[in-house]
């Protein structure tokens, strides 16, 4: 199963850098990079924090597809 994320799209709508988002949710910029590339599955708390920071729902930001 592969994670699909729309973090980059929502972040761009808010003119927010990866660094800005990372600082808001308390992680390193590299974590945001890995999330945006679908190489890292966030904890529920991190997913909720990111959704709140981007004014989105977890369901809007994250989905999975079967590969």
Protein backbone atom coordinates (compact mmCIF):
# COMPACT_ATOMS: atom_id res chain seq x y z
CA UNK A 1 0.00 0.00 0.00
CA UNK A 2 1.34 3.42 -0.96
CA UNK A 3 0.54 6.65 0.83
CA UNK A 4 -0.58 9.56 -1.30
CA UNK A 5 -0.32 13.01 0.22
CA UNK A 6 -1.55 16.44 -0.80
CA UNK A 7 0.53 18.33 1.78
CA UNK A 8 2.58 20.13 -0.87
CA UNK A 9 -0.57 21.31 -2.67
CA UNK A 10 -2.21 22.62 0.51
CA UNK A 11 1.07 24.14 1.71
CA UNK A 12 1.44 26.00 -1.61
CA UNK A 13 -2.09 27.42 -1.29
CA UNK A 14 -1.02 29.00 1.99
CA UNK A 15 2.33 30.24 0.58
CA UNK A 16 4.05 28.20 3.28
CA UNK A 17 7.55 26.75 2.97
CA UNK A 18 8.47 23.28 4.15
CA UNK A 19 10.48 24.97 6.90
CA UNK A 20 7.46 27.04 8.01
CA UNK A 21 5.26 23.96 8.23
CA UNK A 22 7.94 21.97 10.02
CA UNK A 23 8.32 24.70 12.63
CA UNK A 24 4.55 24.92 13.15
CA UNK A 25 4.20 21.20 13.81
CA UNK A 26 7.50 20.64 15.65
CA UNK A 27 9.44 18.46 13.20
CA UNK A 28 12.49 18.89 10.98
CA UNK A 29 12.10 20.12 7.40
CA UNK A 30 13.36 16.74 6.20
CA UNK A 31 10.33 15.09 7.78
CA UNK A 32 8.05 17.29 5.67
CA UNK A 33 10.09 16.37 2.57
CA UNK A 34 9.66 12.66 3.31
CA UNK A 35 5.94 13.09 3.97
CA UNK A 36 5.42 14.99 0.72
CA UNK A 37 7.24 12.26 -1.20
CA UNK A 38 5.19 9.52 0.45
CA UNK A 39 8.27 7.96 2.05
CA UNK A 40 7.13 8.42 5.64
CA UNK A 41 3.86 7.56 7.38
CA UNK A 42 3.11 10.15 10.05
CA UNK A 43 1.86 9.41 13.53
CA UNK A 44 -1.78 10.25 14.10
CA UNK A 45 -0.75 13.27 16.19
CA UNK A 46 1.53 14.59 13.44
CA UNK A 47 -1.14 14.04 10.77
CA UNK A 48 -3.65 15.96 12.90
CA UNK A 49 -1.15 18.76 13.60
CA UNK A 50 -0.35 19.13 9.89
CA UNK A 51 -4.04 19.13 8.97
CA UNK A 52 -4.72 21.85 11.54
CA UNK A 53 -1.77 23.95 10.33
CA UNK A 54 -3.02 23.68 6.73
CA UNK A 55 -6.73 24.21 7.53
CA UNK A 56 -7.55 20.79 6.10
CA UNK A 57 -8.75 17.42 7.31
CA UNK A 58 -6.51 14.39 7.63
CA UNK A 59 -8.64 12.71 4.94
CA UNK A 60 -8.01 15.61 2.54
CA UNK A 61 -4.24 15.38 3.05
CA UNK A 62 -3.61 11.64 3.23
CA UNK A 63 -4.90 8.63 1.32
CA UNK A 64 -3.66 5.21 0.37
CA UNK A 65 -3.82 3.17 -2.80
CA UNK A 66 -3.20 -0.53 -3.29
CA UNK A 67 -0.17 -1.31 -5.42
